[in-house]
């Protein structure tokens, strides 16, 4: 409902588990530019690296940007957006 009413251009999904994977896919289908952040070196922790790599490539082909092996260190809100700072210093606007 939020996406339909506010038409955001970009979203950051924090966490690459099953819910984060689904949210990223659905936001992308709705036309949102999606960045997924996962602290582990791969999404979907119950799967081994090789299986997760197939799913990561699926997300990348859809245009989802992945930030793997990076945690979120800070969320900085402003009036119009939010900056997500990662553990390596990367800043992502959403």
PDB file of N, CA and C in Angstrom:
ATOM      1  N   UNK A   1       0.829  -1.193   0.000  1.00  0.00           N
ATOM      2  CA  UNK A   1       0.000   0.000   0.000  1.00  0.00           C
ATOM      3  C   UNK A   1       0.873   1.256   0.000  1.00  0.00           C
ATOM      4  N   UNK A   2       1.946   1.250   0.806  1.00  0.00           N
ATOM      5  CA  UNK A   2       2.848   2.408   0.842  1.00  0.00           C
ATOM      6  C   UNK A   2       3.434   2.676  -0.544  1.00  0.00           C
ATOM      7  N   UNK A   3       3.885   1.639  -1.212  1.00  0.00           N
ATOM      8  CA  UNK A   3       4.494   1.803  -2.537  1.00  0.00           C
ATOM      9  C   UNK A   3       3.481   2.382  -3.520  1.00  0.00           C
ATOM     10  N   UNK A   4       2.260   1.894  -3.480  1.00  0.00           N
ATOM     11  CA  UNK A   4       1.227   2.391  -4.391  1.00  0.00           C
ATOM     12  C   UNK A   4       0.878   3.848  -4.113  1.00  0.00           C
ATOM     13  N   UNK A   5       0.858   4.237  -2.847  1.00  0.00           N
ATOM     14  CA  UNK A   5       0.453   5.593  -2.480  1.00  0.00           C
ATOM     15  C   UNK A   5       1.572   6.629  -2.575  1.00  0.00           C
ATOM     16  N   UNK A   6       2.825   6.207  -2.381  1.00  0.00           N
ATOM     17  CA  UNK A   6       3.933   7.162  -2.317  1.00  0.00           C
ATOM     18  C   UNK A   6       4.927   7.045  -3.471  1.00  0.00           C
ATOM     19  N   UNK A   7       4.848   5.991  -4.250  1.00  0.00           N
ATOM     20  CA  UNK A   7       5.713   5.781  -5.423  1.00  0.00           C
ATOM     21  C   UNK A   7       7.198   6.030  -5.141  1.00  0.00           C
ATOM     22  N   UNK A   8       7.779   5.322  -4.179  1.00  0.00           N
ATOM     23  CA  UNK A   8       9.208   5.520  -3.915  1.00  0.00           C
ATOM     24  C   UNK A   8      10.042   5.049  -5.095  1.00  0.00           C
ATOM     25  N   UNK A   9      11.177   5.715  -5.301  1.00  0.00           N
ATOM     26  CA  UNK A   9      12.070   5.351  -6.401  1.00  0.00           C
ATOM     27  C   UNK A   9      13.077   4.288  -5.990  1.00  0.00           C
ATOM     28  N   UNK A  10      13.436   4.284  -4.706  1.00  0.00           N
ATOM     29  CA  UNK A  10      14.490   3.390  -4.240  1.00  0.00           C
ATOM     30  C   UNK A  10      14.169   2.880  -2.843  1.00  0.00           C
ATOM     31  N   UNK A  11      14.507   1.610  -2.598  1.00  0.00           N
ATOM     32  CA  UNK A  11      14.315   1.018  -1.282  1.00  0.00           C
ATOM     33  C   UNK A  11      15.549   0.204  -0.919  1.00  0.00           C
ATOM     34  N   UNK A  12      15.868   0.189   0.366  1.00  0.00           N
ATOM     35  CA  UNK A  12      16.923  -0.671   0.888  1.00  0.00           C
ATOM     36  C   UNK A  12      16.251  -1.727   1.748  1.00  0.00           C
ATOM     37  N   UNK A  13      16.493  -2.989   1.406  1.00  0.00           N
ATOM     38  CA  UNK A  13      15.988  -4.110   2.196  1.00  0.00           C
ATOM     39  C   UNK A  13      17.156  -4.588   3.053  1.00  0.00           C
ATOM     40  N   UNK A  14      16.952  -4.593   4.363  1.00  0.00           N
ATOM     41  CA  UNK A  14      18.006  -5.024   5.283  1.00  0.00           C
ATOM     42  C   UNK A  14      17.710  -6.453   5.702  1.00  0.00           C
ATOM     43  N   UNK A  15      18.582  -7.357   5.304  1.00  0.00           N
ATOM     44  CA  UNK A  15      18.425  -8.766   5.622  1.00  0.00           C
ATOM     45  C   UNK A  15      18.086  -9.575   4.394  1.00  0.00           C
ATOM     46  N   UNK A  16      18.869 -10.591   4.135  1.00  0.00           N
ATOM     47  CA  UNK A  16      18.693 -11.424   2.954  1.00  0.00           C
ATOM     48  C   UNK A  16      18.139 -12.798   3.259  1.00  0.00           C
ATOM     49  N   UNK A  17      17.283 -12.870   4.281  1.00  0.00           N
ATOM     50  CA  UNK A  17      16.602 -14.130   4.569  1.00  0.00           C
ATOM     51  C   UNK A  17      15.426 -14.311   3.633  1.00  0.00           C
ATOM     52  N   UNK A  18      14.549 -15.245   3.967  1.00  0.00           N
ATOM     53  CA  UNK A  18      13.411 -15.537   3.101  1.00  0.00           C
ATOM     54  C   UNK A  18      12.500 -14.325   2.929  1.00  0.00           C
ATOM     55  N   UNK A  19      12.229 -13.609   4.009  1.00  0.00           N
ATOM     56  CA  UNK A  19      11.354 -12.439   3.920  1.00  0.00           C
ATOM     57  C   UNK A  19      12.026 -11.333   3.106  1.00  0.00           C
ATOM     58  N   UNK A  20      13.289 -11.048   3.377  1.00  0.00           N
ATOM     59  CA  UNK A  20      14.007 -10.019   2.628  1.00  0.00           C
ATOM     60  C   UNK A  20      14.075 -10.331   1.150  1.00  0.00           C
ATOM     61  N   UNK A  21      14.283 -11.605   0.812  1.00  0.00           N
ATOM     62  CA  UNK A  21      14.318 -12.042  -0.584  1.00  0.00           C
ATOM     63  C   UNK A  21      12.982 -11.749  -1.264  1.00  0.00           C
ATOM     64  N   UNK A  22      11.888 -12.129  -0.611  1.00  0.00           N
ATOM     65  CA  UNK A  22      10.545 -11.897  -1.163  1.00  0.00           C
ATOM     66  C   UNK A  22      10.230 -10.414  -1.288  1.00  0.00           C
ATOM     67  N   UNK A  23      10.581  -9.640  -0.270  1.00  0.00           N
ATOM     68  CA  UNK A  23      10.319  -8.196  -0.306  1.00  0.00           C
ATOM     69  C   UNK A  23      11.091  -7.558  -1.461  1.00  0.00           C
ATOM     70  N   UNK A  24      12.360  -7.926  -1.609  1.00  0.00           N
ATOM     71  CA  UNK A  24      13.181  -7.362  -2.687  1.00  0.00           C
ATOM     72  C   UNK A  24      12.570  -7.683  -4.054  1.00  0.00           C
ATOM     73  N   UNK A  25      12.180  -8.929  -4.259  1.00  0.00           N
ATOM     74  CA  UNK A  25      11.579  -9.315  -5.540  1.00  0.00           C
ATOM     75  C   UNK A  25      10.290  -8.547  -5.816  1.00  0.00           C
ATOM     76  N   UNK A  26       9.433  -8.459  -4.817  1.00  0.00           N
ATOM     77  CA  UNK A  26       8.145  -7.794  -5.016  1.00  0.00           C
ATOM     78  C   UNK A  26       8.287  -6.293  -5.223  1.00  0.00           C
ATOM     79  N   UNK A  27       9.188  -5.651  -4.494  1.00  0.00           N
ATOM     80  CA  UNK A  27       9.416  -4.226  -4.711  1.00  0.00           C
ATOM     81  C   UNK A  27       9.933  -3.981  -6.123  1.00  0.00           C
ATOM     82  N   UNK A  28      10.843  -4.833  -6.573  1.00  0.00           N
ATOM     83  CA  UNK A  28      11.399  -4.683  -7.923  1.00  0.00           C
ATOM     84  C   UNK A  28      10.300  -4.825  -8.968  1.00  0.00           C
ATOM     85  N   UNK A  29       9.412  -5.799  -8.775  1.00  0.00           N
ATOM     86  CA  UNK A  29       8.289  -5.990  -9.707  1.00  0.00           C
ATOM     87  C   UNK A  29       7.378  -4.769  -9.752  1.00  0.00           C
ATOM     88  N   UNK A  30       7.356  -4.004  -8.660  1.00  0.00           N
ATOM     89  CA  UNK A  30       6.517  -2.802  -8.598  1.00  0.00           C
ATOM     90  C   UNK A  30       7.244  -1.575  -9.149  1.00  0.00           C
ATOM     91  N   UNK A  31       8.462  -1.769  -9.660  1.00  0.00           N
ATOM     92  CA  UNK A  31       9.191  -0.685 -10.293  1.00  0.00           C
ATOM     93  C   UNK A  31      10.114   0.098  -9.387  1.00  0.00           C
ATOM     94  N   UNK A  32      10.365  -0.412  -8.192  1.00  0.00           N
ATOM     95  CA  UNK A  32      11.240   0.268  -7.242  1.00  0.00           C
ATOM     96  C   UNK A  32      12.680  -0.213  -7.464  1.00  0.00           C
ATOM     97  N   UNK A  33      13.638   0.713  -7.400  1.00  0.00           N
ATOM     98  CA  UNK A  33      15.060   0.377  -7.456  1.00  0.00           C
ATOM     99  C   UNK A  33      15.418  -0.205  -6.090  1.00  0.00           C
ATOM    100  N   UNK A  34      15.871  -1.461  -6.056  1.00  0.00           N
ATOM    101  CA  UNK A  34      16.058  -2.173  -4.787  1.00  0.00           C
ATOM    102  C   UNK A  34      17.526  -2.472  -4.529  1.00  0.00           C
ATOM    103  N   UNK A  35      17.923  -2.217  -3.296  1.00  0.00           N
ATOM    104  CA  UNK A  35      19.253  -2.598  -2.797  1.00  0.00           C
ATOM    105  C   UNK A  35      19.038  -3.488  -1.587  1.00  0.00           C
ATOM    106  N   UNK A  36      19.635  -4.654  -1.586  1.00  0.00           N
ATOM    107  CA  UNK A  36      19.498  -5.604  -0.483  1.00  0.00           C
ATOM    108  C   UNK A  36      20.824  -5.713   0.246  1.00  0.00           C
ATOM    109  N   UNK A  37      20.790  -5.522   1.554  1.00  0.00           N
ATOM    110  CA  UNK A  37      21.989  -5.573   2.392  1.00  0.00           C
ATOM    111  C   UNK A  37      21.926  -6.825   3.260  1.00  0.00           C
ATOM    112  N   UNK A  38      22.994  -7.616   3.242  1.00  0.00           N
ATOM    113  CA  UNK A  38      23.070  -8.835   4.052  1.00  0.00           C
ATOM    114  C   UNK A  38      24.446  -8.916   4.702  1.00  0.00           C
ATOM    115  N   UNK A  39      24.457  -9.122   6.024  1.00  0.00           N
ATOM    116  CA  UNK A  39      25.721  -9.168   6.759  1.00  0.00           C
ATOM    117  C   UNK A  39      26.545 -10.417   6.419  1.00  0.00           C
ATOM    118  N   UNK A  40      25.889 -11.499   6.085  1.00  0.00           N
ATOM    119  CA  UNK A  40      26.590 -12.724   5.708  1.00  0.00           C
ATOM    120  C   UNK A  40      27.178 -12.571   4.302  1.00  0.00           C
ATOM    121  N   UNK A  41      27.993 -13.542   3.898  1.00  0.00           N
ATOM    122  CA  UNK A  41      28.581 -13.491   2.550  1.00  0.00           C
ATOM    123  C   UNK A  41      27.618 -13.981   1.469  1.00  0.00           C
ATOM    124  N   UNK A  42      26.421 -14.435   1.877  1.00  0.00           N
ATOM    125  CA  UNK A  42      25.402 -14.834   0.915  1.00  0.00           C
ATOM    126  C   UNK A  42      24.013 -14.714   1.527  1.00  0.00           C
ATOM    127  N   UNK A  43      23.009 -14.608   0.653  1.00  0.00           N
ATOM    128  CA  UNK A  43      21.630 -14.524   1.123  1.00  0.00           C
ATOM    129  C   UNK A  43      21.136 -15.922   1.501  1.00  0.00           C
ATOM    130  N   UNK A  44      19.999 -15.970   2.166  1.00  0.00           N
ATOM    131  CA  UNK A  44      19.329 -17.219   2.517  1.00  0.00           C
ATOM    132  C   UNK A  44      20.266 -18.188   3.244  1.00  0.00           C
ATOM    133  N   UNK A  45      20.573 -17.839   4.474  1.00  0.00           N
ATOM    134  CA  UNK A  45      21.547 -18.572   5.290  1.00  0.00           C
ATOM    135  C   UNK A  45      21.339 -20.091   5.360  1.00  0.00           C
ATOM    136  N   UNK A  46      20.104 -20.608   5.356  1.00  0.00           N
ATOM    137  CA  UNK A  46      19.965 -22.076   5.411  1.00  0.00           C
ATOM    138  C   UNK A  46      20.546 -22.800   4.199  1.00  0.00           C
ATOM    139  N   UNK A  47      20.703 -22.092   3.082  1.00  0.00           N
ATOM    140  CA  UNK A  47      21.255 -22.714   1.879  1.00  0.00           C
ATOM    141  C   UNK A  47      22.774 -22.593   1.884  1.00  0.00           C
ATOM    142  N   UNK A  48      23.430 -23.541   1.212  1.00  0.00           N
ATOM    143  CA  UNK A  48      24.879 -23.431   1.082  1.00  0.00           C
ATOM    144  C   UNK A  48      25.203 -22.333   0.064  1.00  0.00           C
ATOM    145  N   UNK A  49      26.480 -21.971   0.013  1.00  0.00           N
ATOM    146  CA  UNK A  49      26.904 -20.844  -0.816  1.00  0.00           C
ATOM    147  C   UNK A  49      26.540 -21.051  -2.286  1.00  0.00           C
ATOM    148  N   UNK A  50      26.734 -22.282  -2.809  1.00  0.00           N
ATOM    149  CA  UNK A  50      26.475 -22.541  -4.221  1.00  0.00           C
ATOM    150  C   UNK A  50      24.998 -22.355  -4.569  1.00  0.00           C
ATOM    151  N   UNK A  51      24.098 -22.827  -3.717  1.00  0.00           N
ATOM    152  CA  UNK A  51      22.664 -22.667  -3.958  1.00  0.00           C
ATOM    153  C   UNK A  51      22.276 -21.194  -3.842  1.00  0.00           C
ATOM    154  N   UNK A  52      22.809 -20.517  -2.837  1.00  0.00           N
ATOM    155  CA  UNK A  52      22.511 -19.094  -2.655  1.00  0.00           C
ATOM    156  C   UNK A  52      23.018 -18.282  -3.851  1.00  0.00           C
ATOM    157  N   UNK A  53      24.145 -18.672  -4.429  1.00  0.00           N
ATOM    158  CA  UNK A  53      24.703 -17.945  -5.576  1.00  0.00           C
ATOM    159  C   UNK A  53      23.733 -17.954  -6.750  1.00  0.00           C
ATOM    160  N   UNK A  54      23.020 -19.057  -6.953  1.00  0.00           N
ATOM    161  CA  UNK A  54      22.026 -19.130  -8.029  1.00  0.00           C
ATOM    162  C   UNK A  54      20.935 -18.097  -7.787  1.00  0.00           C
ATOM    163  N   UNK A  55      20.463 -18.002  -6.554  1.00  0.00           N
ATOM    164  CA  UNK A  55      19.401 -17.055  -6.212  1.00  0.00           C
ATOM    165  C   UNK A  55      19.900 -15.608  -6.228  1.00  0.00           C
ATOM    166  N   UNK A  56      21.148 -15.401  -5.838  1.00  0.00           N
ATOM    167  CA  UNK A  56      21.732 -14.056  -5.914  1.00  0.00           C
ATOM    168  C   UNK A  56      21.806 -13.597  -7.363  1.00  0.00           C
ATOM    169  N   UNK A  57      22.210 -14.489  -8.250  1.00  0.00           N
ATOM    170  CA  UNK A  57      22.270 -14.145  -9.677  1.00  0.00           C
ATOM    171  C   UNK A  57      20.876 -13.849 -10.222  1.00  0.00           C
ATOM    172  N   UNK A  58      19.884 -14.569  -9.741  1.00  0.00           N
ATOM    173  CA  UNK A  58      18.493 -14.307 -10.131  1.00  0.00           C
ATOM    174  C   UNK A  58      18.104 -12.874  -9.755  1.00  0.00           C
ATOM    175  N   UNK A  59      18.421 -12.464  -8.533  1.00  0.00           N
ATOM    176  CA  UNK A  59      18.110 -11.100  -8.093  1.00  0.00           C
ATOM    177  C   UNK A  59      18.874 -10.072  -8.920  1.00  0.00           C
ATOM    178  N   UNK A  60      20.133 -10.330  -9.162  1.00  0.00           N
ATOM    179  CA  UNK A  60      20.942  -9.388  -9.951  1.00  0.00           C
ATOM    180  C   UNK A  60      20.396  -9.237 -11.365  1.00  0.00           C
ATOM    181  N   UNK A  61      19.967 -10.334 -11.977  1.00  0.00           N
ATOM    182  CA  UNK A  61      19.382 -10.257 -13.322  1.00  0.00           C
ATOM    183  C   UNK A  61      18.118  -9.400 -13.329  1.00  0.00           C
ATOM    184  N   UNK A  62      17.412  -9.390 -12.218  1.00  0.00           N
ATOM    185  CA  UNK A  62      16.216  -8.549 -12.096  1.00  0.00           C
ATOM    186  C   UNK A  62      16.572  -7.087 -11.822  1.00  0.00           C
ATOM    187  N   UNK A  63      17.843  -6.828 -11.540  1.00  0.00           N
ATOM    188  CA  UNK A  63      18.277  -5.456 -11.291  1.00  0.00           C
ATOM    189  C   UNK A  63      18.400  -5.093  -9.830  1.00  0.00           C
ATOM    190  N   UNK A  64      18.340  -6.074  -8.938  1.00  0.00           N
ATOM    191  CA  UNK A  64      18.510  -5.818  -7.505  1.00  0.00           C
ATOM    192  C   UNK A  64      20.006  -5.732  -7.204  1.00  0.00           C
ATOM    193  N   UNK A  65      20.424  -4.668  -6.527  1.00  0.00           N
ATOM    194  CA  UNK A  65      21.825  -4.519  -6.124  1.00  0.00           C
ATOM    195  C   UNK A  65      22.017  -5.228  -4.780  1.00  0.00           C
ATOM    196  N   UNK A  66      23.072  -6.040  -4.691  1.00  0.00           N
ATOM    197  CA  UNK A  66      23.348  -6.772  -3.459  1.00  0.00           C
ATOM    198  C   UNK A  66      24.582  -6.213  -2.766  1.00  0.00           C
ATOM    199  N   UNK A  67      24.462  -6.034  -1.473  1.00  0.00           N
ATOM    200  CA  UNK A  67      25.580  -5.615  -0.619  1.00  0.00           C
ATOM    201  C   UNK A  67      25.775  -6.738   0.385  1.00  0.00           C
ATOM    202  N   UNK A  68      26.688  -7.651   0.067  1.00  0.00           N
ATOM    203  CA  UNK A  68      26.898  -8.837   0.893  1.00  0.00           C
ATOM    204  C   UNK A  68      28.126  -8.659   1.779  1.00  0.00           C
ATOM    205  N   UNK A  69      28.080  -9.274   2.950  1.00  0.00           N
ATOM    206  CA  UNK A  69      29.200  -9.191   3.879  1.00  0.00           C
ATOM    207  C   UNK A  69      29.327  -7.829   4.530  1.00  0.00           C
ATOM    208  N   UNK A  70      28.215  -7.088   4.569  1.00  0.00           N
ATOM    209  CA  UNK A  70      28.224  -5.748   5.151  1.00  0.00           C
ATOM    210  C   UNK A  70      27.020  -5.609   6.074  1.00  0.00           C
ATOM    211  N   UNK A  71      27.279  -5.124   7.278  1.00  0.00           N
ATOM    212  CA  UNK A  71      26.189  -4.854   8.204  1.00  0.00           C
ATOM    213  C   UNK A  71      25.777  -3.401   8.110  1.00  0.00           C
ATOM    214  N   UNK A  72      24.638  -3.088   8.697  1.00  0.00           N
ATOM    215  CA  UNK A  72      24.161  -1.710   8.761  1.00  0.00           C
ATOM    216  C   UNK A  72      24.686  -1.103  10.053  1.00  0.00           C
ATOM    217  N   UNK A  73      25.377   0.031   9.944  1.00  0.00           N
ATOM    218  CA  UNK A  73      25.931   0.675  11.127  1.00  0.00           C
ATOM    219  C   UNK A  73      25.091   1.851  11.590  1.00  0.00           C
ATOM    220  N   UNK A  74      24.324   2.454  10.667  1.00  0.00           N
ATOM    221  CA  UNK A  74      23.557   3.640  11.047  1.00  0.00           C
ATOM    222  C   UNK A  74      22.458   3.911  10.027  1.00  0.00           C
ATOM    223  N   UNK A  75      21.322   4.389  10.519  1.00  0.00           N
ATOM    224  CA  UNK A  75      20.232   4.872   9.669  1.00  0.00           C
ATOM    225  C   UNK A  75      20.082   6.351   9.957  1.00  0.00           C
ATOM    226  N   UNK A  76      20.173   7.168   8.904  1.00  0.00           N
ATOM    227  CA  UNK A  76      20.111   8.620   9.064  1.00  0.00           C
ATOM    228  C   UNK A  76      18.917   9.149   8.279  1.00  0.00           C
ATOM    229  N   UNK A  77      17.808   9.427   8.972  1.00  0.00           N
ATOM    230  CA  UNK A  77      16.629   9.923   8.262  1.00  0.00           C
ATOM    231  C   UNK A  77      16.725  11.421   7.985  1.00  0.00           C
ATOM    232  N   UNK A  78      16.092  11.839   6.905  1.00  0.00           N
ATOM    233  CA  UNK A  78      15.919  13.252   6.604  1.00  0.00           C
ATOM    234  C   UNK A  78      14.455  13.457   6.246  1.00  0.00           C
ATOM    235  N   UNK A  79      14.101  14.649   5.844  1.00  0.00           N
ATOM    236  CA  UNK A  79      12.706  14.921   5.503  1.00  0.00           C
ATOM    237  C   UNK A  79      12.214  14.108   4.315  1.00  0.00           C
ATOM    238  N   UNK A  80      13.083  13.868   3.347  1.00  0.00           N
ATOM    239  CA  UNK A  80      12.644  13.242   2.091  1.00  0.00           C
ATOM    240  C   UNK A  80      13.145  11.822   1.890  1.00  0.00           C
ATOM    241  N   UNK A  81      14.193  11.411   2.605  1.00  0.00           N
ATOM    242  CA  UNK A  81      14.739  10.085   2.382  1.00  0.00           C
ATOM    243  C   UNK A  81      15.458   9.589   3.629  1.00  0.00           C
ATOM    244  N   UNK A  82      16.167   8.495   3.475  1.00  0.00           N
ATOM    245  CA  UNK A  82      16.962   7.946   4.568  1.00  0.00           C
ATOM    246  C   UNK A  82      18.299   7.497   3.991  1.00  0.00           C
ATOM    247  N   UNK A  83      19.342   7.704   4.746  1.00  0.00           N
ATOM    248  CA  UNK A  83      20.662   7.212   4.364  1.00  0.00           C
ATOM    249  C   UNK A  83      20.964   6.000   5.226  1.00  0.00           C
ATOM    250  N   UNK A  84      21.329   4.905   4.572  1.00  0.00           N
ATOM    251  CA  UNK A  84      21.712   3.683   5.262  1.00  0.00           C
ATOM    252  C   UNK A  84      23.221   3.582   5.166  1.00  0.00           C
ATOM    253  N   UNK A  85      23.903   3.693   6.313  1.00  0.00           N
ATOM    254  CA  UNK A  85      25.370   3.568   6.333  1.00  0.00           C
ATOM    255  C   UNK A  85      25.730   2.136   6.657  1.00  0.00           C
ATOM    256  N   UNK A  86      26.648   1.586   5.863  1.00  0.00           N
ATOM    257  CA  UNK A  86      27.087   0.209   6.045  1.00  0.00           C
ATOM    258  C   UNK A  86      28.391   0.155   6.825  1.00  0.00           C
ATOM    259  N   UNK A  87      28.712  -1.028   7.303  1.00  0.00           N
ATOM    260  CA  UNK A  87      29.892  -1.220   8.151  1.00  0.00           C
ATOM    261  C   UNK A  87      31.193  -0.868   7.450  1.00  0.00           C
ATOM    262  N   UNK A  88      31.208  -0.882   6.108  1.00  0.00           N
ATOM    263  CA  UNK A  88      32.432  -0.532   5.375  1.00  0.00           C
ATOM    264  C   UNK A  88      32.482   0.945   4.991  1.00  0.00           C
ATOM    265  N   UNK A  89      31.491   1.727   5.464  1.00  0.00           N
ATOM    266  CA  UNK A  89      31.465   3.149   5.170  1.00  0.00           C
ATOM    267  C   UNK A  89      30.582   3.531   3.991  1.00  0.00           C
ATOM    268  N   UNK A  90      30.114   2.559   3.224  1.00  0.00           N
ATOM    269  CA  UNK A  90      29.225   2.832   2.099  1.00  0.00           C
ATOM    270  C   UNK A  90      27.943   3.494   2.606  1.00  0.00           C
ATOM    271  N   UNK A  91      27.464   4.488   1.884  1.00  0.00           N
ATOM    272  CA  UNK A  91      26.198   5.147   2.214  1.00  0.00           C
ATOM    273  C   UNK A  91      25.218   4.939   1.072  1.00  0.00           C
ATOM    274  N   UNK A  92      24.025   4.458   1.392  1.00  0.00           N
ATOM    275  CA  UNK A  92      22.999   4.189   0.397  1.00  0.00           C
ATOM    276  C   UNK A  92      21.796   5.065   0.703  1.00  0.00           C
ATOM    277  N   UNK A  93      21.340   5.819  -0.299  1.00  0.00           N
ATOM    278  CA  UNK A  93      20.141   6.654  -0.150  1.00  0.00           C
ATOM    279  C   UNK A  93      18.912   5.843  -0.523  1.00  0.00           C
ATOM    280  N   UNK A  94      17.853   6.048   0.198  1.00  0.00           N
ATOM    281  CA  UNK A  94      16.569   5.390  -0.124  1.00  0.00           C
ATOM    282  C   UNK A  94      15.428   6.283   0.304  1.00  0.00           C
TER     283      UNK A  94
END
